[in-house]
Every structure is written in structure tokens, then in C-alpha cells.
Amino acid sequence: MKYILKNTKGDVFGAFVKINKIADGYMCDQSILPTSVTGDVIELEVPDDYMSPEQIVNYNNKQSDLRAKTYPTQSDPIFFEWQRGTKTEQEWLDAVDQVKLQYPYKSI
């Protein structure tokens, strides 16, 4: 299970497996969240796959980088073969879809 760390104003600072109060703020999983957290902090239990909106943005950015590194080796060669007439457009589109399935985005 994960826990959401948010203040009484409703600002969500993320979802973490472990949250501990320390002198400088909070120890969340392996990173320190500084005392810039204002107000009282509330821990709410959420499912393991939960991510805060900020965590989803970071996750999607990483997935985008992985897609960008993968397209040149998995789908771009098929695109050029399609352009030469040795593969079909559908084979290229299927290769693009395979990369997207391999590195999916999450919705906010």
C-alpha cells in the first residue's frame, strides 16, 4: 500500500510507500521532502499503483524519453522499408503501437 502526503490546504506532495517525520521535513521512501510542506500533514492510504499528478507527469516524461530512444531501433527501420515498398504501412503502424504499449503513458 502507498500513502498520500498532503497538507491541510489540499496540496498533494506525492504517494509513497513509507513516510516518516524527521527534523528537516519528511523522509518519503528514500528521498527527503523538506519542511516547505505547510500546515498539518495527512497520510491517506491509496492503492500501490496510485501516483500524484506531479508523479504522473514525471513518469510520462520518462516514458516519452524511452519511446524516443526505442522508435529509431524498432519502428523507424520498418517505416523506411514501407517507403521502399518492402513492408506495409500497417506493419509500420503496428511497430509504433508496440512501442507505445511497451512504454505507456498514465492519465492525470
PDB file of N, CA and C in Angstrom:
ATOM      1  N   MET A   1       0.829  -1.177   0.000  1.00  0.00           N
ATOM      2  CA  MET A   1       0.000   0.000   0.000  1.00  0.00           C
ATOM      3  C   MET A   1       0.878   1.247   0.000  1.00  0.00           C
ATOM      4  N   LYS A   2       0.383   2.316  -0.604  1.00  0.00           N
ATOM      5  CA  LYS A   2       1.055   3.605  -0.597  1.00  0.00           C
ATOM      6  C   LYS A   2       0.229   4.590   0.216  1.00  0.00           C
ATOM      7  N   TYR A   3       0.880   5.686   0.591  1.00  0.00           N
ATOM      8  CA  TYR A   3       0.215   6.734   1.342  1.00  0.00           C
ATOM      9  C   TYR A   3       0.433   8.065   0.645  1.00  0.00           C
ATOM     10  N   ILE A   4      -0.631   8.868   0.577  1.00  0.00           N
ATOM     11  CA  ILE A   4      -0.524  10.218   0.014  1.00  0.00           C
ATOM     12  C   ILE A   4      -0.064  11.140   1.120  1.00  0.00           C
ATOM     13  N   LEU A   5       0.876  11.994   0.793  1.00  0.00           N
ATOM     14  CA  LEU A   5       1.311  13.028   1.726  1.00  0.00           C
ATOM     15  C   LEU A   5       0.754  14.342   1.216  1.00  0.00           C
ATOM     16  N   LYS A   6      -0.133  14.954   1.983  1.00  0.00           N
ATOM     17  CA  LYS A   6      -0.680  16.242   1.589  1.00  0.00           C
ATOM     18  C   LYS A   6      -0.901  17.093   2.820  1.00  0.00           C
ATOM     19  N   ASN A   7      -0.970  18.404   2.600  1.00  0.00           N
ATOM     20  CA  ASN A   7      -1.187  19.291   3.736  1.00  0.00           C
ATOM     21  C   ASN A   7      -2.671  19.621   3.862  1.00  0.00           C
ATOM     22  N   THR A   8      -3.014  20.376   4.887  1.00  0.00           N
ATOM     23  CA  THR A   8      -4.417  20.696   5.144  1.00  0.00           C
ATOM     24  C   THR A   8      -5.012  21.612   4.087  1.00  0.00           C
ATOM     25  N   LYS A   9      -4.163  22.267   3.280  1.00  0.00           N
ATOM     26  CA  LYS A   9      -4.667  23.088   2.174  1.00  0.00           C
ATOM     27  C   LYS A   9      -5.042  22.212   0.979  1.00  0.00           C
ATOM     28  N   GLY A  10      -4.678  20.928   1.025  1.00  0.00           N
ATOM     29  CA  GLY A  10      -5.020  20.020  -0.060  1.00  0.00           C
ATOM     30  C   GLY A  10      -3.916  19.799  -1.067  1.00  0.00           C
ATOM     31  N   ASP A  11      -2.747  20.433  -0.868  1.00  0.00           N
ATOM     32  CA  ASP A  11      -1.623  20.220  -1.780  1.00  0.00           C
ATOM     33  C   ASP A  11      -1.101  18.800  -1.606  1.00  0.00           C
ATOM     34  N   VAL A  12      -1.017  18.055  -2.698  1.00  0.00           N
ATOM     35  CA  VAL A  12      -0.512  16.684  -2.652  1.00  0.00           C
ATOM     36  C   VAL A  12       0.961  16.691  -3.009  1.00  0.00           C
ATOM     37  N   PHE A  13       1.776  16.078  -2.169  1.00  0.00           N
ATOM     38  CA  PHE A  13       3.219  16.049  -2.382  1.00  0.00           C
ATOM     39  C   PHE A  13       3.707  14.719  -2.934  1.00  0.00           C
ATOM     40  N   GLY A  14       2.806  13.800  -3.143  1.00  0.00           N
ATOM     41  CA  GLY A  14       3.181  12.530  -3.737  1.00  0.00           C
ATOM     42  C   GLY A  14       2.588  11.359  -2.976  1.00  0.00           C
ATOM     43  N   ALA A  15       2.769  10.196  -3.570  1.00  0.00           N
ATOM     44  CA  ALA A  15       2.329   8.951  -2.938  1.00  0.00           C
ATOM     45  C   ALA A  15       3.568   8.119  -2.652  1.00  0.00           C
ATOM     46  N   PHE A  16       3.693   7.647  -1.449  1.00  0.00           N
ATOM     47  CA  PHE A  16       4.916   6.991  -1.009  1.00  0.00           C
ATOM     48  C   PHE A  16       4.596   5.716  -0.254  1.00  0.00           C
ATOM     49  N   VAL A  17       5.531   4.783  -0.292  1.00  0.00           N
ATOM     50  CA  VAL A  17       5.378   3.537   0.441  1.00  0.00           C
ATOM     51  C   VAL A  17       5.598   3.783   1.928  1.00  0.00           C
ATOM     52  N   LYS A  18       6.525   4.668   2.237  1.00  0.00           N
ATOM     53  CA  LYS A  18       6.870   4.913   3.636  1.00  0.00           C
ATOM     54  C   LYS A  18       7.054   6.416   3.859  1.00  0.00           C
ATOM     55  N   ILE A  19       6.452   6.943   4.921  1.00  0.00           N
ATOM     56  CA  ILE A  19       6.571   8.360   5.278  1.00  0.00           C
ATOM     57  C   ILE A  19       6.939   8.448   6.754  1.00  0.00           C
ATOM     58  N   ASN A  20       8.028   9.149   7.047  1.00  0.00           N
ATOM     59  CA  ASN A  20       8.437   9.371   8.435  1.00  0.00           C
ATOM     60  C   ASN A  20       8.743  10.841   8.646  1.00  0.00           C
ATOM     61  N   LYS A  21       8.306  11.384   9.768  1.00  0.00           N
ATOM     62  CA  LYS A  21       8.625  12.773  10.134  1.00  0.00           C
ATOM     63  C   LYS A  21      10.053  12.796  10.641  1.00  0.00           C
ATOM     64  N   ILE A  22      10.854  13.738  10.107  1.00  0.00           N
ATOM     65  CA  ILE A  22      12.222  13.945  10.587  1.00  0.00           C
ATOM     66  C   ILE A  22      12.400  15.419  10.867  1.00  0.00           C
ATOM     67  N   ALA A  23      13.527  15.812  11.420  1.00  0.00           N
ATOM     68  CA  ALA A  23      13.759  17.197  11.822  1.00  0.00           C
ATOM     69  C   ALA A  23      13.657  18.165  10.644  1.00  0.00           C
ATOM     70  N   ASP A  24      14.165  17.777   9.478  1.00  0.00           N
ATOM     71  CA  ASP A  24      14.187  18.679   8.331  1.00  0.00           C
ATOM     72  C   ASP A  24      12.947  18.601   7.453  1.00  0.00           C
ATOM     73  N   GLY A  25      11.981  17.775   7.817  1.00  0.00           N
ATOM     74  CA  GLY A  25      10.782  17.634   7.000  1.00  0.00           C
ATOM     75  C   GLY A  25      10.240  16.225   7.099  1.00  0.00           C
ATOM     76  N   TYR A  26      10.200  15.539   5.975  1.00  0.00           N
ATOM     77  CA  TYR A  26       9.677  14.170   5.925  1.00  0.00           C
ATOM     78  C   TYR A  26      10.605  13.308   5.103  1.00  0.00           C
ATOM     79  N   MET A  27      10.795  12.084   5.554  1.00  0.00           N
ATOM     80  CA  MET A  27      11.544  11.098   4.781  1.00  0.00           C
ATOM     81  C   MET A  27      10.491  10.268   4.062  1.00  0.00           C
ATOM     82  N   CYS A  28      10.437  10.406   2.750  1.00  0.00           N
ATOM     83  CA  CYS A  28       9.443   9.708   1.942  1.00  0.00           C
ATOM     84  C   CYS A  28      10.169   8.710   1.070  1.00  0.00           C
ATOM     85  N   ASP A  29       9.925   7.442   1.317  1.00  0.00           N
ATOM     86  CA  ASP A  29      10.653   6.359   0.661  1.00  0.00           C
ATOM     87  C   ASP A  29      12.142   6.615   0.886  1.00  0.00           C
ATOM     88  N   GLN A  30      12.896   6.929  -0.150  1.00  0.00           N
ATOM     89  CA  GLN A  30      14.329   7.158   0.014  1.00  0.00           C
ATOM     90  C   GLN A  30      14.719   8.627  -0.153  1.00  0.00           C
ATOM     91  N   SER A  31      13.742   9.518  -0.335  1.00  0.00           N
ATOM     92  CA  SER A  31      14.069  10.930  -0.538  1.00  0.00           C
ATOM     93  C   SER A  31      13.514  11.776   0.604  1.00  0.00           C
ATOM     94  N   ILE A  32      14.154  12.914   0.815  1.00  0.00           N
ATOM     95  CA  ILE A  32      13.723  13.829   1.877  1.00  0.00           C
ATOM     96  C   ILE A  32      12.848  14.908   1.262  1.00  0.00           C
ATOM     97  N   LEU A  33      11.667  15.071   1.815  1.00  0.00           N
ATOM     98  CA  LEU A  33      10.777  16.158   1.421  1.00  0.00           C
ATOM     99  C   LEU A  33      10.962  17.250   2.470  1.00  0.00           C
ATOM    100  N   PRO A  34      11.509  18.410   2.082  1.00  0.00           N
ATOM    101  CA  PRO A  34      11.842  19.439   3.075  1.00  0.00           C
ATOM    102  C   PRO A  34      10.619  20.020   3.769  1.00  0.00           C
ATOM    103  N   THR A  35      10.879  20.841   4.780  1.00  0.00           N
ATOM    104  CA  THR A  35       9.817  21.406   5.603  1.00  0.00           C
ATOM    105  C   THR A  35       8.987  22.454   4.877  1.00  0.00           C
ATOM    106  N   SER A  36       9.142  22.582   3.553  1.00  0.00           N
ATOM    107  CA  SER A  36       8.306  23.507   2.814  1.00  0.00           C
ATOM    108  C   SER A  36       6.853  23.034   2.791  1.00  0.00           C
ATOM    109  N   VAL A  37       6.622  21.838   3.343  1.00  0.00           N
ATOM    110  CA  VAL A  37       5.253  21.355   3.495  1.00  0.00           C
ATOM    111  C   VAL A  37       4.625  22.191   4.595  1.00  0.00           C
ATOM    112  N   THR A  38       3.575  22.952   4.249  1.00  0.00           N
ATOM    113  CA  THR A  38       2.953  23.831   5.241  1.00  0.00           C
ATOM    114  C   THR A  38       1.664  23.217   5.756  1.00  0.00           C
ATOM    115  N   GLY A  39       1.314  23.538   6.960  1.00  0.00           N
ATOM    116  CA  GLY A  39       0.093  23.019   7.558  1.00  0.00           C
ATOM    117  C   GLY A  39       0.303  21.615   8.089  1.00  0.00           C
ATOM    118  N   ASP A  40      -0.778  21.033   8.552  1.00  0.00           N
ATOM    119  CA  ASP A  40      -0.720  19.673   9.057  1.00  0.00           C
ATOM    120  C   ASP A  40      -0.650  18.704   7.892  1.00  0.00           C
ATOM    121  N   VAL A  41       0.087  17.648   8.072  1.00  0.00           N
ATOM    122  CA  VAL A  41       0.228  16.648   7.026  1.00  0.00           C
ATOM    123  C   VAL A  41      -0.704  15.485   7.318  1.00  0.00           C
ATOM    124  N   ILE A  42      -1.375  15.050   6.268  1.00  0.00           N
ATOM    125  CA  ILE A  42      -2.327  13.952   6.379  1.00  0.00           C
ATOM    126  C   ILE A  42      -1.805  12.789   5.554  1.00  0.00           C
ATOM    127  N   GLU A  43      -1.844  11.595   6.100  1.00  0.00           N
ATOM    128  CA  GLU A  43      -1.466  10.404   5.350  1.00  0.00           C
ATOM    129  C   GLU A  43      -2.743   9.635   5.022  1.00  0.00           C
ATOM    130  N   LEU A  44      -3.018   9.450   3.738  1.00  0.00           N
ATOM    131  CA  LEU A  44      -4.179   8.689   3.292  1.00  0.00           C
ATOM    132  C   LEU A  44      -3.704   7.438   2.576  1.00  0.00           C
ATOM    133  N   GLU A  45      -4.262   6.320   2.912  1.00  0.00           N
ATOM    134  CA  GLU A  45      -3.874   5.072   2.268  1.00  0.00           C
ATOM    135  C   GLU A  45      -4.481   5.016   0.865  1.00  0.00           C
ATOM    136  N   VAL A  46      -3.650   4.638  -0.121  1.00  0.00           N
ATOM    137  CA  VAL A  46      -4.091   4.530  -1.516  1.00  0.00           C
ATOM    138  C   VAL A  46      -3.527   3.240  -2.114  1.00  0.00           C
ATOM    139  N   PRO A  47      -4.046   2.799  -3.258  1.00  0.00           N
ATOM    140  CA  PRO A  47      -3.512   1.591  -3.897  1.00  0.00           C
ATOM    141  C   PRO A  47      -2.053   1.760  -4.315  1.00  0.00           C
ATOM    142  N   ASP A  48      -1.356   0.635  -4.475  1.00  0.00           N
ATOM    143  CA  ASP A  48       0.062   0.652  -4.844  1.00  0.00           C
ATOM    144  C   ASP A  48       0.335   1.361  -6.157  1.00  0.00           C
ATOM    145  N   ASP A  49      -0.610   1.325  -7.101  1.00  0.00           N
ATOM    146  CA  ASP A  49      -0.364   1.925  -8.410  1.00  0.00           C
ATOM    147  C   ASP A  49      -0.734   3.411  -8.459  1.00  0.00           C
ATOM    148  N   TYR A  50      -1.146   3.994  -7.323  1.00  0.00           N
ATOM    149  CA  TYR A  50      -1.507   5.408  -7.291  1.00  0.00           C
ATOM    150  C   TYR A  50      -0.279   6.290  -7.481  1.00  0.00           C
ATOM    151  N   MET A  51      -0.460   7.364  -8.263  1.00  0.00           N
ATOM    152  CA  MET A  51       0.570   8.395  -8.413  1.00  0.00           C
ATOM    153  C   MET A  51      -0.113   9.744  -8.328  1.00  0.00           C
ATOM    154  N   SER A  52       0.562  10.703  -7.707  1.00  0.00           N
ATOM    155  CA  SER A  52       0.043  12.067  -7.674  1.00  0.00           C
ATOM    156  C   SER A  52       0.181  12.657  -9.074  1.00  0.00           C
ATOM    157  N   PRO A  53      -0.523  13.760  -9.371  1.00  0.00           N
ATOM    158  CA  PRO A  53      -0.386  14.380 -10.698  1.00  0.00           C
ATOM    159  C   PRO A  53       1.074  14.705 -11.049  1.00  0.00           C
ATOM    160  N   GLU A  54       1.845  15.187 -10.094  1.00  0.00           N
ATOM    161  CA  GLU A  54       3.255  15.501 -10.357  1.00  0.00           C
ATOM    162  C   GLU A  54       4.047  14.232 -10.670  1.00  0.00           C
ATOM    163  N   GLN A  55       3.774  13.168  -9.937  1.00  0.00           N
ATOM    164  CA  GLN A  55       4.446  11.906 -10.198  1.00  0.00           C
ATOM    165  C   GLN A  55       4.072  11.349 -11.573  1.00  0.00           C
ATOM    166  N   ILE A  56       2.811  11.544 -11.990  1.00  0.00           N
ATOM    167  CA  ILE A  56       2.381  11.095 -13.318  1.00  0.00           C
ATOM    168  C   ILE A  56       3.114  11.874 -14.403  1.00  0.00           C
ATOM    169  N   VAL A  57       3.253  13.177 -14.229  1.00  0.00           N
ATOM    170  CA  VAL A  57       3.989  13.988 -15.211  1.00  0.00           C
ATOM    171  C   VAL A  57       5.427  13.491 -15.320  1.00  0.00           C
ATOM    172  N   ASN A  58       6.081  13.259 -14.194  1.00  0.00           N
ATOM    173  CA  ASN A  58       7.462  12.752 -14.213  1.00  0.00           C
ATOM    174  C   ASN A  58       7.535  11.381 -14.877  1.00  0.00           C
ATOM    175  N   TYR A  59       6.589  10.513 -14.553  1.00  0.00           N
ATOM    176  CA  TYR A  59       6.531   9.174 -15.156  1.00  0.00           C
ATOM    177  C   TYR A  59       6.360   9.283 -16.672  1.00  0.00           C
ATOM    178  N   ASN A  60       5.413  10.121 -17.112  1.00  0.00           N
ATOM    179  CA  ASN A  60       5.165  10.267 -18.543  1.00  0.00           C
ATOM    180  C   ASN A  60       6.370  10.856 -19.269  1.00  0.00           C
ATOM    181  N   ASN A  61       7.095  11.763 -18.630  1.00  0.00           N
ATOM    182  CA  ASN A  61       8.315  12.310 -19.239  1.00  0.00           C
ATOM    183  C   ASN A  61       9.359  11.211 -19.441  1.00  0.00           C
ATOM    184  N   LYS A  62       9.495  10.332 -18.462  1.00  0.00           N
ATOM    185  CA  LYS A  62      10.439   9.218 -18.597  1.00  0.00           C
ATOM    186  C   LYS A  62       9.997   8.264 -19.700  1.00  0.00           C
ATOM    187  N   GLN A  63       8.691   7.993 -19.762  1.00  0.00           N
ATOM    188  CA  GLN A  63       8.174   7.119 -20.808  1.00  0.00           C
ATOM    189  C   GLN A  63       8.411   7.736 -22.190  1.00  0.00           C
ATOM    190  N   SER A  64       8.247   9.044 -22.293  1.00  0.00           N
ATOM    191  CA  SER A  64       8.486   9.741 -23.561  1.00  0.00           C
ATOM    192  C   SER A  64       9.943   9.600 -23.991  1.00  0.00           C
ATOM    193  N   ASP A  65      10.859   9.749 -23.038  1.00  0.00           N
ATOM    194  CA  ASP A  65      12.282   9.582 -23.342  1.00  0.00           C
ATOM    195  C   ASP A  65      12.577   8.153 -23.806  1.00  0.00           C
ATOM    196  N   LEU A  66      11.967   7.175 -23.142  1.00  0.00           N
ATOM    197  CA  LEU A  66      12.182   5.775 -23.527  1.00  0.00           C
ATOM    198  C   LEU A  66      11.609   5.493 -24.915  1.00  0.00           C
ATOM    199  N   ARG A  67      10.446   6.076 -25.210  1.00  0.00           N
ATOM    200  CA  ARG A  67       9.877   5.923 -26.552  1.00  0.00           C
ATOM    201  C   ARG A  67      10.809   6.519 -27.605  1.00  0.00           C
ATOM    202  N   ALA A  68      11.317   7.711 -27.316  1.00  0.00           N
ATOM    203  CA  ALA A  68      12.197   8.387 -28.274  1.00  0.00           C
ATOM    204  C   ALA A  68      13.456   7.572 -28.549  1.00  0.00           C
ATOM    205  N   LYS A  69      13.947   6.855 -27.553  1.00  0.00           N
ATOM    206  CA  LYS A  69      15.135   6.017 -27.743  1.00  0.00           C
ATOM    207  C   LYS A  69      14.795   4.715 -28.473  1.00  0.00           C
ATOM    208  N   THR A  70      13.550   4.276 -28.361  1.00  0.00           N
ATOM    209  CA  THR A  70      13.150   2.991 -28.923  1.00  0.00           C
ATOM    210  C   THR A  70      12.677   3.093 -30.375  1.00  0.00           C
ATOM    211  N   TYR A  71      11.994   4.177 -30.733  1.00  0.00           N
ATOM    212  CA  TYR A  71      11.495   4.316 -32.110  1.00  0.00           C
ATOM    213  C   TYR A  71      12.585   4.099 -33.164  1.00  0.00           C
ATOM    214  N   PRO A  72      13.771   4.704 -33.018  1.00  0.00           N
ATOM    215  CA  PRO A  72      14.787   4.534 -34.068  1.00  0.00           C
ATOM    216  C   PRO A  72      15.225   3.085 -34.299  1.00  0.00           C
ATOM    217  N   THR A  73      15.110   2.235 -33.282  1.00  0.00           N
ATOM    218  CA  THR A  73      15.552   0.851 -33.464  1.00  0.00           C
ATOM    219  C   THR A  73      14.414  -0.106 -33.782  1.00  0.00           C
ATOM    220  N   GLN A  74      13.177   0.236 -33.373  1.00  0.00           N
ATOM    221  CA  GLN A  74      12.082  -0.711 -33.557  1.00  0.00           C
ATOM    222  C   GLN A  74      11.086  -0.334 -34.646  1.00  0.00           C
ATOM    223  N   SER A  75      10.739   0.934 -34.768  1.00  0.00           N
ATOM    224  CA  SER A  75       9.711   1.281 -35.760  1.00  0.00           C
ATOM    225  C   SER A  75      10.259   2.061 -36.956  1.00  0.00           C
ATOM    226  N   ASP A  76      11.274   2.886 -36.753  1.00  0.00           N
ATOM    227  CA  ASP A  76      11.810   3.673 -37.871  1.00  0.00           C
ATOM    228  C   ASP A  76      12.342   2.802 -39.009  1.00  0.00           C
ATOM    229  N   PRO A  77      13.047   1.705 -38.732  1.00  0.00           N
ATOM    230  CA  PRO A  77      13.503   0.866 -39.849  1.00  0.00           C
ATOM    231  C   PRO A  77      12.337   0.324 -40.690  1.00  0.00           C
ATOM    232  N   ILE A  78      11.231  -0.011 -40.033  1.00  0.00           N
ATOM    233  CA  ILE A  78      10.064  -0.509 -40.757  1.00  0.00           C
ATOM    234  C   ILE A  78       9.430   0.615 -41.576  1.00  0.00           C
ATOM    235  N   PHE A  79       9.457   1.841 -41.045  1.00  0.00           N
ATOM    236  CA  PHE A  79       8.958   2.991 -41.801  1.00  0.00           C
ATOM    237  C   PHE A  79       9.718   3.137 -43.119  1.00  0.00           C
ATOM    238  N   PHE A  80      11.040   3.050 -43.047  1.00  0.00           N
ATOM    239  CA  PHE A  80      11.842   3.205 -44.264  1.00  0.00           C
ATOM    240  C   PHE A  80      11.629   2.041 -45.225  1.00  0.00           C
ATOM    241  N   GLU A  81      11.403   0.858 -44.682  1.00  0.00           N
ATOM    242  CA  GLU A  81      11.093  -0.282 -45.550  1.00  0.00           C
ATOM    243  C   GLU A  81       9.730  -0.081 -46.214  1.00  0.00           C
ATOM    244  N   TRP A  82       8.783   0.485 -45.498  1.00  0.00           N
ATOM    245  CA  TRP A  82       7.480   0.800 -46.079  1.00  0.00           C
ATOM    246  C   TRP A  82       7.651   1.815 -47.213  1.00  0.00           C
ATOM    247  N   GLN A  83       8.499   2.820 -46.986  1.00  0.00           N
ATOM    248  CA  GLN A  83       8.748   3.835 -48.020  1.00  0.00           C
ATOM    249  C   GLN A  83       9.364   3.205 -49.276  1.00  0.00           C
ATOM    250  N   ARG A  84      10.185   2.171 -49.096  1.00  0.00           N
ATOM    251  CA  ARG A  84      10.813   1.476 -50.229  1.00  0.00           C
ATOM    252  C   ARG A  84       9.893   0.433 -50.852  1.00  0.00           C
ATOM    253  N   GLY A  85       8.768   0.154 -50.191  1.00  0.00           N
ATOM    254  CA  GLY A  85       7.817  -0.797 -50.728  1.00  0.00           C
ATOM    255  C   GLY A  85       8.034  -2.228 -50.302  1.00  0.00           C
ATOM    256  N   THR A  86       8.925  -2.481 -49.315  1.00  0.00           N
ATOM    257  CA  THR A  86       9.177  -3.851 -48.866  1.00  0.00           C
ATOM    258  C   THR A  86       8.369  -4.227 -47.621  1.00  0.00           C
ATOM    259  N   LYS A  87       7.753  -3.277 -46.972  1.00  0.00           N
ATOM    260  CA  LYS A  87       6.849  -3.510 -45.837  1.00  0.00           C
ATOM    261  C   LYS A  87       5.582  -2.709 -46.077  1.00  0.00           C
ATOM    262  N   THR A  88       4.543  -3.038 -45.342  1.00  0.00           N
ATOM    263  CA  THR A  88       3.283  -2.306 -45.486  1.00  0.00           C
ATOM    264  C   THR A  88       3.200  -1.180 -44.456  1.00  0.00           C
ATOM    265  N   GLU A  89       2.320  -0.241 -44.740  1.00  0.00           N
ATOM    266  CA  GLU A  89       2.089   0.836 -43.775  1.00  0.00           C
ATOM    267  C   GLU A  89       1.585   0.255 -42.458  1.00  0.00           C
ATOM    268  N   GLN A  90       0.748  -0.763 -42.534  1.00  0.00           N
ATOM    269  CA  GLN A  90       0.205  -1.373 -41.322  1.00  0.00           C
ATOM    270  C   GLN A  90       1.296  -2.008 -40.468  1.00  0.00           C
ATOM    271  N   GLU A  91       2.293  -2.600 -41.082  1.00  0.00           N
ATOM    272  CA  GLU A  91       3.409  -3.175 -40.324  1.00  0.00           C
ATOM    273  C   GLU A  91       4.151  -2.085 -39.566  1.00  0.00           C
ATOM    274  N   TRP A  92       4.328  -0.925 -40.212  1.00  0.00           N
ATOM    275  CA  TRP A  92       4.985   0.202 -39.541  1.00  0.00           C
ATOM    276  C   TRP A  92       4.124   0.707 -38.387  1.00  0.00           C
ATOM    277  N   LEU A  93       2.800   0.893 -38.637  1.00  0.00           N
ATOM    278  CA  LEU A  93       1.907   1.378 -37.582  1.00  0.00           C
ATOM    279  C   LEU A  93       1.835   0.392 -36.418  1.00  0.00           C
ATOM    280  N   ASP A  94       1.874  -0.897 -36.723  1.00  0.00           N
ATOM    281  CA  ASP A  94       1.890  -1.909 -35.661  1.00  0.00           C
ATOM    282  C   ASP A  94       3.161  -1.794 -34.818  1.00  0.00           C
ATOM    283  N   ALA A  95       4.291  -1.505 -35.462  1.00  0.00           N
ATOM    284  CA  ALA A  95       5.556  -1.343 -34.730  1.00  0.00           C
ATOM    285  C   ALA A  95       5.498  -0.112 -33.823  1.00  0.00           C
ATOM    286  N   VAL A  96       4.904   0.961 -34.312  1.00  0.00           N
ATOM    287  CA  VAL A  96       4.732   2.178 -33.494  1.00  0.00           C
ATOM    288  C   VAL A  96       3.841   1.860 -32.293  1.00  0.00           C
ATOM    289  N   ASP A  97       2.735   1.155 -32.541  1.00  0.00           N
ATOM    290  CA  ASP A  97       1.824   0.792 -31.447  1.00  0.00           C
ATOM    291  C   ASP A  97       2.511  -0.106 -30.418  1.00  0.00           C
ATOM    292  N   GLN A  98       3.389  -0.972 -30.874  1.00  0.00           N
ATOM    293  CA  GLN A  98       4.115  -1.865 -29.958  1.00  0.00           C
ATOM    294  C   GLN A  98       5.006  -1.061 -29.004  1.00  0.00           C
ATOM    295  N   VAL A  99       5.652  -0.021 -29.518  1.00  0.00           N
ATOM    296  CA  VAL A  99       6.480   0.847 -28.670  1.00  0.00           C
ATOM    297  C   VAL A  99       5.596   1.556 -27.648  1.00  0.00           C
ATOM    298  N   LYS A 100       4.428   2.029 -28.082  1.00  0.00           N
ATOM    299  CA  LYS A 100       3.514   2.713 -27.174  1.00  0.00           C
ATOM    300  C   LYS A 100       3.005   1.769 -26.082  1.00  0.00           C
ATOM    301  N   LEU A 101       2.796   0.510 -26.446  1.00  0.00           N
ATOM    302  CA  LEU A 101       2.371  -0.472 -25.437  1.00  0.00           C
ATOM    303  C   LEU A 101       3.494  -0.793 -24.462  1.00  0.00           C
ATOM    304  N   GLN A 102       4.715  -0.791 -24.989  1.00  0.00           N
ATOM    305  CA  GLN A 102       5.881  -1.091 -24.163  1.00  0.00           C
ATOM    306  C   GLN A 102       6.139   0.020 -23.139  1.00  0.00           C
ATOM    307  N   TYR A 103       5.870   1.271 -23.539  1.00  0.00           N
ATOM    308  CA  TYR A 103       6.104   2.436 -22.679  1.00  0.00           C
ATOM    309  C   TYR A 103       4.828   3.283 -22.620  1.00  0.00           C
ATOM    310  N   PRO A 104       3.803   2.827 -21.904  1.00  0.00           N
ATOM    311  CA  PRO A 104       2.526   3.551 -21.882  1.00  0.00           C
ATOM    312  C   PRO A 104       2.575   4.811 -21.009  1.00  0.00           C
ATOM    313  N   TYR A 105       1.680   5.723 -21.323  1.00  0.00           N
ATOM    314  CA  TYR A 105       1.502   6.920 -20.514  1.00  0.00           C
ATOM    315  C   TYR A 105       0.373   6.668 -19.512  1.00  0.00           C
ATOM    316  N   LYS A 106       0.376   7.424 -18.429  1.00  0.00           N
ATOM    317  CA  LYS A 106      -0.706   7.396 -17.464  1.00  0.00           C
ATOM    318  C   LYS A 106      -1.503   8.694 -17.583  1.00  0.00           C
ATOM    319  N   SER A 107      -2.789   8.621 -17.334  1.00  0.00           N
ATOM    320  CA  SER A 107      -3.663   9.810 -17.366  1.00  0.00           C
ATOM    321  C   SER A 107      -3.660  10.487 -16.011  1.00  0.00           C
ATOM    322  N   ILE A 108      -3.788  11.791 -16.040  1.00  0.00           N
ATOM    323  CA  ILE A 108      -3.870  12.570 -14.783  1.00  0.00           C
ATOM    324  C   ILE A 108      -5.305  12.641 -14.349  1.00  0.00           C
TER     325      ILE A 108
END
